[in-house]
C-alpha atoms as a PDB file:
ATOM      1  CA  UNK A   1      36.244 179.163  50.429  1.00  0.00           C
ATOM      2  CA  UNK A   2      35.790 178.122  54.078  1.00  0.00           C
ATOM      3  CA  UNK A   3      37.363 175.463  56.166  1.00  0.00           C
ATOM      4  CA  UNK A   4      34.944 172.500  56.035  1.00  0.00           C
ATOM      5  CA  UNK A   5      35.741 171.636  59.597  1.00  0.00           C
ATOM      6  CA  UNK A   6      35.561 174.967  61.609  1.00  0.00           C
ATOM      7  CA  UNK A   7      33.858 176.991  58.834  1.00  0.00           C
ATOM      8  CA  UNK A   8      36.395 179.810  59.100  1.00  0.00           C
ATOM      9  CA  UNK A   9      37.122 181.591  55.884  1.00  0.00           C
ATOM     10  CA  UNK A  10      40.404 180.518  54.227  1.00  0.00           C
ATOM     11  CA  UNK A  11      42.746 183.350  53.781  1.00  0.00           C
ATOM     12  CA  UNK A  12      46.427 183.783  52.975  1.00  0.00           C
ATOM     13  CA  UNK A  13      47.061 184.027  56.659  1.00  0.00           C
ATOM     14  CA  UNK A  14      45.488 180.720  57.620  1.00  0.00           C
ATOM     15  CA  UNK A  15      45.602 178.590  54.417  1.00  0.00           C
ATOM     16  CA  UNK A  16      47.684 175.449  54.254  1.00  0.00           C
ATOM     17  CA  UNK A  17      48.466 172.682  51.796  1.00  0.00           C
ATOM     18  CA  UNK A  18      46.394 169.678  52.667  1.00  0.00           C
ATOM     19  CA  UNK A  19      47.572 166.481  51.129  1.00  0.00           C
ATOM     20  CA  UNK A  20      44.547 164.266  50.185  1.00  0.00           C
ATOM     21  CA  UNK A  21      46.789 161.218  50.761  1.00  0.00           C
ATOM     22  CA  UNK A  22      49.610 161.804  53.283  1.00  0.00           C
ATOM     23  CA  UNK A  23      52.850 163.077  51.731  1.00  0.00           C
ATOM     24  CA  UNK A  24      54.748 160.997  54.200  1.00  0.00           C
ATOM     25  CA  UNK A  25      53.349 157.984  52.414  1.00  0.00           C
ATOM     26  CA  UNK A  26      54.095 159.388  49.014  1.00  0.00           C
ATOM     27  CA  UNK A  27      50.863 161.225  48.370  1.00  0.00           C
ATOM     28  CA  UNK A  28      51.129 164.158  45.934  1.00  0.00           C
ATOM     29  CA  UNK A  29      47.573 165.391  45.441  1.00  0.00           C
ATOM     30  CA  UNK A  30      46.992 168.563  47.537  1.00  0.00           C
ATOM     31  CA  UNK A  31      44.862 171.631  47.884  1.00  0.00           C
ATOM     32  CA  UNK A  32      44.810 174.920  49.757  1.00  0.00           C
ATOM     33  CA  UNK A  33      40.994 175.065  49.632  1.00  0.00           C
ATOM     34  CA  UNK A  34      40.112 172.380  52.144  1.00  0.00           C
ATOM     35  CA  UNK A  35      40.981 173.183  55.734  1.00  0.00           C
ATOM     36  CA  UNK A  36      42.707 175.909  57.737  1.00  0.00           C
ATOM     37  CA  UNK A  37      46.179 175.697  59.240  1.00  0.00           C
ATOM     38  CA  UNK A  38      44.761 175.140  62.759  1.00  0.00           C
ATOM     39  CA  UNK A  39      42.547 172.269  61.735  1.00  0.00           C
ATOM     40  CA  UNK A  40      45.368 170.670  59.633  1.00  0.00           C
ATOM     41  CA  UNK A  41      47.720 170.835  62.649  1.00  0.00           C
ATOM     42  CA  UNK A  42      45.041 169.264  64.963  1.00  0.00           C
ATOM     43  CA  UNK A  43      44.441 166.343  62.588  1.00  0.00           C
ATOM     44  CA  UNK A  44      48.179 165.911  61.860  1.00  0.00           C
ATOM     45  CA  UNK A  45      48.845 165.111  65.498  1.00  0.00           C
ATOM     46  CA  UNK A  46      45.602 163.220  66.222  1.00  0.00           C
ATOM     47  CA  UNK A  47      45.250 160.865  63.252  1.00  0.00           C
ATOM     48  CA  UNK A  48      47.588 161.602  60.355  1.00  0.00           C
ATOM     49  CA  UNK A  49      50.690 160.871  62.334  1.00  0.00           C
ATOM     50  CA  UNK A  50      49.277 157.520  63.501  1.00  0.00           C
ATOM     51  CA  UNK A  51      48.607 156.445  59.878  1.00  0.00           C
ATOM     52  CA  UNK A  52      52.064 157.632  58.885  1.00  0.00           C
ATOM     53  CA  UNK A  53      53.680 155.631  61.715  1.00  0.00           C
ATOM     54  CA  UNK A  54      51.688 152.463  60.819  1.00  0.00           C
ATOM     55  CA  UNK A  55      52.451 152.505  57.158  1.00  0.00           C
ATOM     56  CA  UNK A  56      55.738 154.320  57.256  1.00  0.00           C
ATOM     57  CA  UNK A  57      57.842 151.062  56.940  1.00  0.00           C
ATOM     58  CA  UNK A  58      56.279 150.489  53.462  1.00  0.00           C
ATOM     59  CA  UNK A  59      57.085 154.030  52.350  1.00  0.00           C
ATOM     60  CA  UNK A  60      60.639 153.548  53.616  1.00  0.00           C
ATOM     61  CA  UNK A  61      61.096 150.161  51.883  1.00  0.00           C
ATOM     62  CA  UNK A  62      59.805 151.575  48.618  1.00  0.00           C
ATOM     63  CA  UNK A  63      61.742 154.892  49.087  1.00  0.00           C
ATOM     64  CA  UNK A  64      58.755 157.001  48.089  1.00  0.00           C
ATOM     65  CA  UNK A  65      59.248 160.549  46.853  1.00  0.00           C
ATOM     66  CA  UNK A  66      58.171 163.187  49.335  1.00  0.00           C
ATOM     67  CA  UNK A  67      57.880 166.934  48.980  1.00  0.00           C
ATOM     68  CA  UNK A  68      60.441 167.408  51.785  1.00  0.00           C
ATOM     69  CA  UNK A  69      63.090 164.944  52.868  1.00  0.00           C
ATOM     70  CA  UNK A  70      63.272 161.183  52.635  1.00  0.00           C
ATOM     71  CA  UNK A  71      61.201 158.586  54.396  1.00  0.00           C
ATOM     72  CA  UNK A  72      62.299 157.980  57.982  1.00  0.00           C
ATOM     73  CA  UNK A  73      64.566 155.089  58.897  1.00  0.00           C
ATOM     74  CA  UNK A  74      62.825 152.103  60.470  1.00  0.00           C
ATOM     75  CA  UNK A  75      64.087 150.251  63.464  1.00  0.00           C
ATOM     76  CA  UNK A  76      64.147 146.497  63.576  1.00  0.00           C
ATOM     77  CA  UNK A  77      65.813 143.406  64.931  1.00  0.00           C
ATOM     78  CA  UNK A  78      68.391 140.969  63.601  1.00  0.00           C
ATOM     79  CA  UNK A  79      68.513 138.303  66.256  1.00  0.00           C
ATOM     80  CA  UNK A  80      69.274 140.184  69.449  1.00  0.00           C
ATOM     81  CA  UNK A  81      70.824 143.171  67.630  1.00  0.00           C
ATOM     82  CA  UNK A  82      69.136 146.367  66.749  1.00  0.00           C
ATOM     83  CA  UNK A  83      69.244 147.277  63.117  1.00  0.00           C
ATOM     84  CA  UNK A  84      68.083 150.256  60.874  1.00  0.00           C
ATOM     85  CA  UNK A  85      66.334 150.003  57.567  1.00  0.00           C
ATOM     86  CA  UNK A  86      67.116 152.995  55.384  1.00  0.00           C
ATOM     87  CA  UNK A  87      65.032 154.202  52.428  1.00  0.00           C
ATOM     88  CA  UNK A  88      65.142 151.635  49.657  1.00  0.00           C
ATOM     89  CA  UNK A  89      65.580 148.708  52.032  1.00  0.00           C
ATOM     90  CA  UNK A  90      69.240 148.946  52.842  1.00  0.00           C
ATOM     91  CA  UNK A  91      69.898 147.664  56.365  1.00  0.00           C
ATOM     92  CA  UNK A  92      72.721 148.355  58.804  1.00  0.00           C
ATOM     93  CA  UNK A  93      73.455 147.923  62.504  1.00  0.00           C
ATOM     94  CA  UNK A  94      72.115 150.706  64.637  1.00  0.00           C
ATOM     95  CA  UNK A  95      75.321 150.852  66.688  1.00  0.00           C
ATOM     96  CA  UNK A  96      78.526 148.875  67.231  1.00  0.00           C
ATOM     97  CA  UNK A  97      78.567 145.567  68.989  1.00  0.00           C
ATOM     98  CA  UNK A  98      81.516 143.706  70.350  1.00  0.00           C
ATOM     99  CA  UNK A  99      82.284 140.224  71.693  1.00  0.00           C
ATOM    100  CA  UNK A 100      85.281 139.201  73.714  1.00  0.00           C
ATOM    101  CA  UNK A 101      87.227 135.932  73.628  1.00  0.00           C
ATOM    102  CA  UNK A 102      90.117 136.252  76.011  1.00  0.00           C
ATOM    103  CA  UNK A 103      92.259 139.162  74.790  1.00  0.00           C
ATOM    104  CA  UNK A 104      90.582 139.087  71.359  1.00  0.00           C
ATOM    105  CA  UNK A 105      87.719 141.463  70.552  1.00  0.00           C
ATOM    106  CA  UNK A 106      85.441 141.053  67.617  1.00  0.00           C
ATOM    107  CA  UNK A 107      83.646 144.352  66.689  1.00  0.00           C
ATOM    108  CA  UNK A 108      80.813 144.793  64.200  1.00  0.00           C
ATOM    109  CA  UNK A 109      79.789 148.366  63.420  1.00  0.00           C
ATOM    110  CA  UNK A 110      77.621 150.156  60.816  1.00  0.00           C
ATOM    111  CA  UNK A 111      80.600 152.177  59.611  1.00  0.00           C
ATOM    112  CA  UNK A 112      84.364 152.679  59.996  1.00  0.00           C
ATOM    113  CA  UNK A 113      83.622 155.824  62.174  1.00  0.00           C
ATOM    114  CA  UNK A 114      81.371 153.648  64.340  1.00  0.00           C
ATOM    115  CA  UNK A 115      84.051 151.013  64.702  1.00  0.00           C
ATOM    116  CA  UNK A 116      86.640 153.611  65.672  1.00  0.00           C
ATOM    117  CA  UNK A 117      84.383 155.053  68.289  1.00  0.00           C
ATOM    118  CA  UNK A 118      83.887 151.511  69.747  1.00  0.00           C
ATOM    119  CA  UNK A 119      87.552 150.797  69.769  1.00  0.00           C
ATOM    120  CA  UNK A 120      88.419 154.154  71.537  1.00  0.00           C
ATOM    121  CA  UNK A 121      85.877 153.340  74.095  1.00  0.00           C
ATOM    122  CA  UNK A 122      87.355 149.851  74.734  1.00  0.00           C
ATOM    123  CA  UNK A 123      90.886 151.264  74.810  1.00  0.00           C
ATOM    124  CA  UNK A 124      90.015 153.299  77.976  1.00  0.00           C
ATOM    125  CA  UNK A 125      89.890 149.944  79.804  1.00  0.00           C
ATOM    126  CA  UNK A 126      92.091 147.777  77.610  1.00  0.00           C
ATOM    127  CA  UNK A 127      95.170 149.989  76.959  1.00  0.00           C
ATOM    128  CA  UNK A 128      96.864 147.375  74.802  1.00  0.00           C
ATOM    129  CA  UNK A 129      94.345 147.845  71.968  1.00  0.00           C
ATOM    130  CA  UNK A 130      96.072 149.357  68.900  1.00  0.00           C
ATOM    131  CA  UNK A 131      93.150 151.323  67.313  1.00  0.00           C
ATOM    132  CA  UNK A 132      94.977 152.207  64.080  1.00  0.00           C
ATOM    133  CA  UNK A 133      96.127 148.646  63.507  1.00  0.00           C
ATOM    134  CA  UNK A 134      92.601 147.331  64.162  1.00  0.00           C
ATOM    135  CA  UNK A 135      91.087 149.784  61.729  1.00  0.00           C
ATOM    136  CA  UNK A 136      93.714 148.880  59.113  1.00  0.00           C
ATOM    137  CA  UNK A 137      92.768 145.217  59.444  1.00  0.00           C
ATOM    138  CA  UNK A 138      89.011 145.829  59.369  1.00  0.00           C
ATOM    139  CA  UNK A 139      86.947 144.104  56.709  1.00  0.00           C
ATOM    140  CA  UNK A 140      84.053 145.744  55.002  1.00  0.00           C
ATOM    141  CA  UNK A 141      81.255 143.099  54.708  1.00  0.00           C
ATOM    142  CA  UNK A 142      77.645 143.155  53.569  1.00  0.00           C
ATOM    143  CA  UNK A 143      75.107 140.382  53.463  1.00  0.00           C
ATOM    144  CA  UNK A 144      71.777 140.860  51.526  1.00  0.00           C
ATOM    145  CA  UNK A 145      70.470 137.459  52.645  1.00  0.00           C
ATOM    146  CA  UNK A 146      69.828 138.303  56.260  1.00  0.00           C
ATOM    147  CA  UNK A 147      66.305 137.978  57.695  1.00  0.00           C
ATOM    148  CA  UNK A 148      65.510 140.918  59.821  1.00  0.00           C
ATOM    149  CA  UNK A 149      62.307 141.505  61.832  1.00  0.00           C
ATOM    150  CA  UNK A 150      60.275 144.787  61.703  1.00  0.00           C
ATOM    151  CA  UNK A 151      57.046 145.374  63.559  1.00  0.00           C
ATOM    152  CA  UNK A 152      54.220 146.862  61.566  1.00  0.00           C
ATOM    153  CA  UNK A 153      50.780 147.218  63.060  1.00  0.00           C
ATOM    154  CA  UNK A 154      47.721 148.373  61.107  1.00  0.00           C
ATOM    155  CA  UNK A 155      44.182 149.193  62.120  1.00  0.00           C
ATOM    156  CA  UNK A 156      42.299 150.944  64.876  1.00  0.00           C
ATOM    157  CA  UNK A 157      39.756 153.752  65.112  1.00  0.00           C
ATOM    158  CA  UNK A 158      42.323 156.514  64.436  1.00  0.00           C
ATOM    159  CA  UNK A 159      43.245 154.822  61.237  1.00  0.00           C
ATOM    160  CA  UNK A 160      39.621 154.663  60.195  1.00  0.00           C
ATOM    161  CA  UNK A 161      39.356 158.345  61.032  1.00  0.00           C
ATOM    162  CA  UNK A 162      42.366 159.094  58.815  1.00  0.00           C
ATOM    163  CA  UNK A 163      40.830 157.261  55.802  1.00  0.00           C
ATOM    164  CA  UNK A 164      37.481 159.057  56.468  1.00  0.00           C
ATOM    165  CA  UNK A 165      39.292 162.391  56.262  1.00  0.00           C
ATOM    166  CA  UNK A 166      40.937 161.335  52.957  1.00  0.00           C
ATOM    167  CA  UNK A 167      37.489 160.574  51.576  1.00  0.00           C
ATOM    168  CA  UNK A 168      36.030 163.911  52.727  1.00  0.00           C
ATOM    169  CA  UNK A 169      38.957 165.759  51.367  1.00  0.00           C
ATOM    170  CA  UNK A 170      38.600 164.157  47.965  1.00  0.00           C
ATOM    171  CA  UNK A 171      34.790 164.835  47.920  1.00  0.00           C
ATOM    172  CA  UNK A 172      35.305 168.521  48.803  1.00  0.00           C
ATOM    173  CA  UNK A 173      38.171 168.820  46.286  1.00  0.00           C
ATOM    174  CA  UNK A 174      35.802 167.844  43.534  1.00  0.00           C
ATOM    175  CA  UNK A 175      33.068 170.360  44.421  1.00  0.00           C
ATOM    176  CA  UNK A 176      31.250 168.543  47.147  1.00  0.00           C
ATOM    177  CA  UNK A 177      29.378 170.582  49.701  1.00  0.00           C
ATOM    178  CA  UNK A 178      30.515 170.606  53.335  1.00  0.00           C
ATOM    179  CA  UNK A 179      26.839 170.239  54.338  1.00  0.00           C
ATOM    180  CA  UNK A 180      26.873 166.678  52.848  1.00  0.00           C
ATOM    181  CA  UNK A 181      29.696 165.559  55.100  1.00  0.00           C
ATOM    182  CA  UNK A 182      28.865 167.434  58.230  1.00  0.00           C
ATOM    183  CA  UNK A 183      27.656 164.284  59.970  1.00  0.00           C
ATOM    184  CA  UNK A 184      31.080 162.789  59.651  1.00  0.00           C
ATOM    185  CA  UNK A 185      33.028 165.602  61.324  1.00  0.00           C
ATOM    186  CA  UNK A 186      32.382 164.340  64.883  1.00  0.00           C
ATOM    187  CA  UNK A 187      33.956 161.065  63.892  1.00  0.00           C
ATOM    188  CA  UNK A 188      37.198 162.470  62.338  1.00  0.00           C
ATOM    189  CA  UNK A 189      37.462 164.912  65.280  1.00  0.00           C
ATOM    190  CA  UNK A 190      37.345 162.026  67.821  1.00  0.00           C
ATOM    191  CA  UNK A 191      33.953 162.978  69.298  1.00  0.00           C
ATOM    192  CA  UNK A 192      32.085 160.020  67.864  1.00  0.00           C
ATOM    193  CA  UNK A 193      33.107 156.335  67.840  1.00  0.00           C
ATOM    194  CA  UNK A 194      31.333 155.055  64.754  1.00  0.00           C
ATOM    195  CA  UNK A 195      31.038 155.909  61.067  1.00  0.00           C
ATOM    196  CA  UNK A 196      30.408 154.150  57.768  1.00  0.00           C
ATOM    197  CA  UNK A 197      34.097 153.196  57.327  1.00  0.00           C
ATOM    198  CA  UNK A 198      35.074 149.651  56.347  1.00  0.00           C
ATOM    199  CA  UNK A 199      38.035 147.452  55.481  1.00  0.00           C
ATOM    200  CA  UNK A 200      37.466 146.149  51.967  1.00  0.00           C
ATOM    201  CA  UNK A 201      38.334 142.572  51.013  1.00  0.00           C
ATOM    202  CA  UNK A 202      37.302 141.835  47.475  1.00  0.00           C
ATOM    203  CA  UNK A 203      38.062 138.392  46.159  1.00  0.00           C
ATOM    204  CA  UNK A 204      39.733 139.740  43.041  1.00  0.00           C
ATOM    205  CA  UNK A 205      41.352 143.063  42.149  1.00  0.00           C
ATOM    206  CA  UNK A 206      38.864 145.862  41.524  1.00  0.00           C
ATOM    207  CA  UNK A 207      41.038 147.118  38.621  1.00  0.00           C
ATOM    208  CA  UNK A 208      44.067 145.839  36.809  1.00  0.00           C
ATOM    209  CA  UNK A 209      47.602 146.961  37.699  1.00  0.00           C
ATOM    210  CA  UNK A 210      50.885 146.013  36.194  1.00  0.00           C
ATOM    211  CA  UNK A 211      53.757 144.332  38.036  1.00  0.00           C
ATOM    212  CA  UNK A 212      55.565 147.633  38.600  1.00  0.00           C
ATOM    213  CA  UNK A 213      52.516 149.675  39.353  1.00  0.00           C
ATOM    214  CA  UNK A 214      52.214 150.275  43.076  1.00  0.00           C
ATOM    215  CA  UNK A 215      49.472 152.805  43.309  1.00  0.00           C
ATOM    216  CA  UNK A 216      47.774 155.158  45.688  1.00  0.00           C
ATOM    217  CA  UNK A 217      44.140 155.337  44.361  1.00  0.00           C
ATOM    218  CA  UNK A 218      41.148 157.291  45.548  1.00  0.00           C
ATOM    219  CA  UNK A 219      37.808 157.100  43.730  1.00  0.00           C
ATOM    220  CA  UNK A 220      34.607 159.005  44.484  1.00  0.00           C
ATOM    221  CA  UNK A 221      31.399 157.263  43.346  1.00  0.00           C
ATOM    222  CA  UNK A 222      27.878 158.768  43.436  1.00  0.00           C
ATOM    223  CA  UNK A 223      25.185 156.222  42.515  1.00  0.00           C
ATOM    224  CA  UNK A 224      21.879 157.903  41.900  1.00  0.00           C
ATOM    225  CA  UNK A 225      19.862 154.740  41.523  1.00  0.00           C
ATOM    226  CA  UNK A 226      21.040 153.142  44.806  1.00  0.00           C
ATOM    227  CA  UNK A 227      21.272 156.537  46.549  1.00  0.00           C
ATOM    228  CA  UNK A 228      24.823 155.843  47.627  1.00  0.00           C
ATOM    229  CA  UNK A 229      27.762 158.201  47.810  1.00  0.00           C
ATOM    230  CA  UNK A 230      31.067 156.510  48.789  1.00  0.00           C
ATOM    231  CA  UNK A 231      34.811 156.742  48.297  1.00  0.00           C
ATOM    232  CA  UNK A 232      37.189 153.786  47.560  1.00  0.00           C
ATOM    233  CA  UNK A 233      40.683 154.350  48.987  1.00  0.00           C
ATOM    234  CA  UNK A 234      43.625 152.056  48.105  1.00  0.00           C
ATOM    235  CA  UNK A 235      47.124 152.648  49.436  1.00  0.00           C
ATOM    236  CA  UNK A 236      50.210 150.873  48.074  1.00  0.00           C
ATOM    237  CA  UNK A 237      47.785 148.849  45.866  1.00  0.00           C
ATOM    238  CA  UNK A 238      46.938 146.433  48.713  1.00  0.00           C
ATOM    239  CA  UNK A 239      45.387 148.407  51.594  1.00  0.00           C
ATOM    240  CA  UNK A 240      41.724 148.935  50.686  1.00  0.00           C
ATOM    241  CA  UNK A 241      39.004 150.870  52.509  1.00  0.00           C
ATOM    242  CA  UNK A 242      35.494 151.993  51.690  1.00  0.00           C
ATOM    243  CA  UNK A 243      34.039 155.171  53.210  1.00  0.00           C
ATOM    244  CA  UNK A 244      30.328 155.869  52.704  1.00  0.00           C
ATOM    245  CA  UNK A 245      29.592 159.536  52.765  1.00  0.00           C
ATOM    246  CA  UNK A 246      25.923 159.101  52.335  1.00  0.00           C
ATOM    247  CA  UNK A 247      23.327 156.273  52.220  1.00  0.00           C
ATOM    248  CA  UNK A 248      20.669 158.705  51.005  1.00  0.00           C
ATOM    249  CA  UNK A 249      22.371 160.370  48.074  1.00  0.00           C
ATOM    250  CA  UNK A 250      20.112 162.659  46.127  1.00  0.00           C
ATOM    251  CA  UNK A 251      22.489 163.887  43.466  1.00  0.00           C
ATOM    252  CA  UNK A 252      23.369 162.729  39.994  1.00  0.00           C
ATOM    253  CA  UNK A 253      25.630 159.866  39.040  1.00  0.00           C
ATOM    254  CA  UNK A 254      29.219 160.920  39.961  1.00  0.00           C
ATOM    255  CA  UNK A 255      32.695 159.477  39.296  1.00  0.00           C
ATOM    256  CA  UNK A 256      36.013 161.084  40.113  1.00  0.00           C
ATOM    257  CA  UNK A 257      39.274 159.122  40.283  1.00  0.00           C
ATOM    258  CA  UNK A 258      42.948 159.727  41.062  1.00  0.00           C
ATOM    259  CA  UNK A 259      45.763 157.150  40.744  1.00  0.00           C
ATOM    260  CA  UNK A 260      49.396 157.868  41.481  1.00  0.00           C
ATOM    261  CA  UNK A 261      52.189 155.317  40.630  1.00  0.00           C
ATOM    262  CA  UNK A 262      54.709 155.302  43.475  1.00  0.00           C
ATOM    263  CA  UNK A 263      57.301 153.560  41.242  1.00  0.00           C
ATOM    264  CA  UNK A 264      57.268 155.870  38.183  1.00  0.00           C
ATOM    265  CA  UNK A 265      56.080 158.870  40.208  1.00  0.00           C
ATOM    266  CA  UNK A 266      53.336 159.637  37.662  1.00  0.00           C
ATOM    267  CA  UNK A 267      49.648 160.145  37.752  1.00  0.00           C
ATOM    268  CA  UNK A 268      47.836 157.287  35.914  1.00  0.00           C
ATOM    269  CA  UNK A 269      44.645 157.568  33.966  1.00  0.00           C
ATOM    270  CA  UNK A 270      42.334 154.500  33.708  1.00  0.00           C
ATOM    271  CA  UNK A 271      39.929 154.685  30.782  1.00  0.00           C
ATOM    272  CA  UNK A 272      37.535 152.151  32.307  1.00  0.00           C
ATOM    273  CA  UNK A 273      35.648 153.248  35.385  1.00  0.00           C
ATOM    274  CA  UNK A 274      35.734 151.231  38.555  1.00  0.00           C
ATOM    275  CA  UNK A 275      32.634 149.253  39.127  1.00  0.00           C
ATOM    276  CA  UNK A 276      31.877 147.721  42.529  1.00  0.00           C
ATOM    277  CA  UNK A 277      28.600 145.808  42.407  1.00  0.00           C
ATOM    278  CA  UNK A 278      26.226 145.967  45.453  1.00  0.00           C
ATOM    279  CA  UNK A 279      26.879 142.238  46.086  1.00  0.00           C
ATOM    280  CA  UNK A 280      30.666 142.863  46.238  1.00  0.00           C
ATOM    281  CA  UNK A 281      30.114 145.851  48.510  1.00  0.00           C
ATOM    282  CA  UNK A 282      27.937 143.823  50.797  1.00  0.00           C
ATOM    283  CA  UNK A 283      30.109 140.775  51.005  1.00  0.00           C
ATOM    284  CA  UNK A 284      33.573 142.485  50.958  1.00  0.00           C
ATOM    285  CA  UNK A 285      33.148 145.275  53.519  1.00  0.00           C
ATOM    286  CA  UNK A 286      34.058 144.584  57.162  1.00  0.00           C
ATOM    287  CA  UNK A 287      34.233 146.670  60.298  1.00  0.00           C
ATOM    288  CA  UNK A 288      37.051 144.485  61.564  1.00  0.00           C
ATOM    289  CA  UNK A 289      40.557 144.037  60.316  1.00  0.00           C
ATOM    290  CA  UNK A 290      41.129 140.473  58.962  1.00  0.00           C
ATOM    291  CA  UNK A 291      44.792 139.917  60.030  1.00  0.00           C
ATOM    292  CA  UNK A 292      45.157 136.810  57.812  1.00  0.00           C
ATOM    293  CA  UNK A 293      44.071 138.630  54.687  1.00  0.00           C
ATOM    294  CA  UNK A 294      46.054 141.696  55.618  1.00  0.00           C
ATOM    295  CA  UNK A 295      49.329 139.566  56.095  1.00  0.00           C
ATOM    296  CA  UNK A 296      48.613 137.831  52.767  1.00  0.00           C
ATOM    297  CA  UNK A 297      48.391 141.209  51.037  1.00  0.00           C
ATOM    298  CA  UNK A 298      51.493 142.508  52.794  1.00  0.00           C
ATOM    299  CA  UNK A 299      53.499 139.458  51.695  1.00  0.00           C
ATOM    300  CA  UNK A 300      52.569 140.063  48.086  1.00  0.00           C
ATOM    301  CA  UNK A 301      53.315 143.821  48.363  1.00  0.00           C
ATOM    302  CA  UNK A 302      56.753 143.257  49.895  1.00  0.00           C
ATOM    303  CA  UNK A 303      57.565 140.733  47.126  1.00  0.00           C
ATOM    304  CA  UNK A 304      56.525 143.387  44.563  1.00  0.00           C
ATOM    305  CA  UNK A 305      58.579 146.088  46.294  1.00  0.00           C
ATOM    306  CA  UNK A 306      61.600 143.802  46.350  1.00  0.00           C
ATOM    307  CA  UNK A 307      61.345 143.371  42.503  1.00  0.00           C
ATOM    308  CA  UNK A 308      61.110 147.119  42.098  1.00  0.00           C
ATOM    309  CA  UNK A 309      64.108 147.768  44.310  1.00  0.00           C
ATOM    310  CA  UNK A 310      66.171 145.088  42.416  1.00  0.00           C
ATOM    311  CA  UNK A 311      65.253 146.761  39.129  1.00  0.00           C
ATOM    312  CA  UNK A 312      66.113 150.193  40.497  1.00  0.00           C
ATOM    313  CA  UNK A 313      69.583 148.896  41.638  1.00  0.00           C
ATOM    314  CA  UNK A 314      70.189 147.336  38.191  1.00  0.00           C
ATOM    315  CA  UNK A 315      69.309 150.674  36.514  1.00  0.00           C
ATOM    316  CA  UNK A 316      71.614 152.449  38.952  1.00  0.00           C
ATOM    317  CA  UNK A 317      74.462 150.078  38.089  1.00  0.00           C
ATOM    318  CA  UNK A 318      74.042 150.501  34.383  1.00  0.00           C
ATOM    319  CA  UNK A 319      73.827 154.260  34.622  1.00  0.00           C
ATOM    320  CA  UNK A 320      76.850 154.621  36.869  1.00  0.00           C
ATOM    321  CA  UNK A 321      78.856 152.319  34.698  1.00  0.00           C
ATOM    322  CA  UNK A 322      77.952 154.350  31.581  1.00  0.00           C
ATOM    323  CA  UNK A 323      78.909 157.561  33.349  1.00  0.00           C
ATOM    324  CA  UNK A 324      82.341 156.036  34.273  1.00  0.00           C
ATOM    325  CA  UNK A 325      82.783 154.943  30.635  1.00  0.00           C
ATOM    326  CA  UNK A 326      82.003 158.368  29.329  1.00  0.00           C
ATOM    327  CA  UNK A 327      84.737 159.854  31.633  1.00  0.00           C
ATOM    328  CA  UNK A 328      87.238 157.468  30.247  1.00  0.00           C
ATOM    329  CA  UNK A 329      86.092 157.938  26.665  1.00  0.00           C
ATOM    330  CA  UNK A 330      84.653 161.474  26.262  1.00  0.00           C
ATOM    331  CA  UNK A 331      81.780 161.780  23.741  1.00  0.00           C
ATOM    332  CA  UNK A 332      83.489 164.434  21.734  1.00  0.00           C
ATOM    333  CA  UNK A 333      86.397 162.090  21.068  1.00  0.00           C
ATOM    334  CA  UNK A 334      84.495 158.877  20.707  1.00  0.00           C
ATOM    335  CA  UNK A 335      81.359 159.275  18.584  1.00  0.00           C
ATOM    336  CA  UNK A 336      80.907 155.459  18.282  1.00  0.00           C
ATOM    337  CA  UNK A 337      81.178 152.520  20.747  1.00  0.00           C
ATOM    338  CA  UNK A 338      84.338 150.595  20.029  1.00  0.00           C
ATOM    339  CA  UNK A 339      84.731 146.927  20.950  1.00  0.00           C
ATOM    340  CA  UNK A 340      87.023 148.025  23.800  1.00  0.00           C
ATOM    341  CA  UNK A 341      84.389 150.392  25.159  1.00  0.00           C
ATOM    342  CA  UNK A 342      81.706 147.689  25.010  1.00  0.00           C
ATOM    343  CA  UNK A 343      83.952 145.191  26.760  1.00  0.00           C
ATOM    344  CA  UNK A 344      84.884 147.680  29.479  1.00  0.00           C
ATOM    345  CA  UNK A 345      81.241 148.715  30.023  1.00  0.00           C
ATOM    346  CA  UNK A 346      79.812 145.212  30.429  1.00  0.00           C
ATOM    347  CA  UNK A 347      82.840 144.245  32.609  1.00  0.00           C
ATOM    348  CA  UNK A 348      82.037 147.139  35.005  1.00  0.00           C
ATOM    349  CA  UNK A 349      78.313 146.228  34.965  1.00  0.00           C
ATOM    350  CA  UNK A 350      79.003 142.551  35.801  1.00  0.00           C
ATOM    351  CA  UNK A 351      81.505 143.406  38.502  1.00  0.00           C
ATOM    352  CA  UNK A 352      79.026 145.765  40.249  1.00  0.00           C
ATOM    353  CA  UNK A 353      76.193 143.290  39.768  1.00  0.00           C
ATOM    354  CA  UNK A 354      78.166 140.440  41.426  1.00  0.00           C
ATOM    355  CA  UNK A 355      79.292 142.754  44.268  1.00  0.00           C
ATOM    356  CA  UNK A 356      75.838 144.200  44.987  1.00  0.00           C
ATOM    357  CA  UNK A 357      73.836 140.956  44.642  1.00  0.00           C
ATOM    358  CA  UNK A 358      76.555 138.620  45.880  1.00  0.00           C
ATOM    359  CA  UNK A 359      76.084 136.200  43.057  1.00  0.00           C
ATOM    360  CA  UNK A 360      78.169 133.045  43.698  1.00  0.00           C
END
């Protein structure tokens, strides 16, 4: 095997795991038989990092599973204050803030340790502050109804290059020849400004997905009759792109697909093949990002992620309550659920539910 970019032979010394869809975004499909370590590093800094930065907030909000580590925290604003969104959507102040009214200070901090640090800093100037008493009187508060602002841009030529590389990777992974995509290499290397890469805006979904199926999908289609070879890429079920590898395809009909559910962390198989008619391809492909349609898709996606995170939290509450119950009533001594155990369990579940979701 040779690197399809530089043509160097792939050996144990220079091989690297190339993720077809970025692992930073939850992609799991990977191969050591695509590009060498040097080319992988070059593309990582030139285009992959840009795609990761643009779509990273979605990965953080959904708390996608990565091979190494968790998604990065995302910085945002709550009014004039800086906040941080942690994986799964939990938000907190990025640092301590204080307001002064005469001799009274009101301090808000992301943690007790953060509050203590702020108090010690104020005490250098205001010696009358009793740090221990202030910490003793501190209240722990949380509000899940706040409306924070996070910036998330999408689009640009480097993003198109990243999607083009995904398409090439998937083609080569399924036995495609590097000769057939050689004309696209100058584009993904940044030496050429144009390629057959399009934002895709179909009027309806191209294939059905359930409410808790947020997918990364990539589909390779070779159409012998129309002499077209192209790849459909869909990230987080809502960001869709089409990459034409060839408009003069001479091979046989070809269909290869991969779907990964970011909620269940499972590969999904669809029995029915994706069909995109020439009319839909013609009318739904655009070289320009439609901001209105993009925002509409993001609104739906964030609503879907919210439902997923709520369900995850409910599952977590039920599981933790069951573990606490089993500690109080060991299995070996309690083979059946008694009325007392059922009452305690549901009481714990309800208490945690009201606390977490602040039900009034």
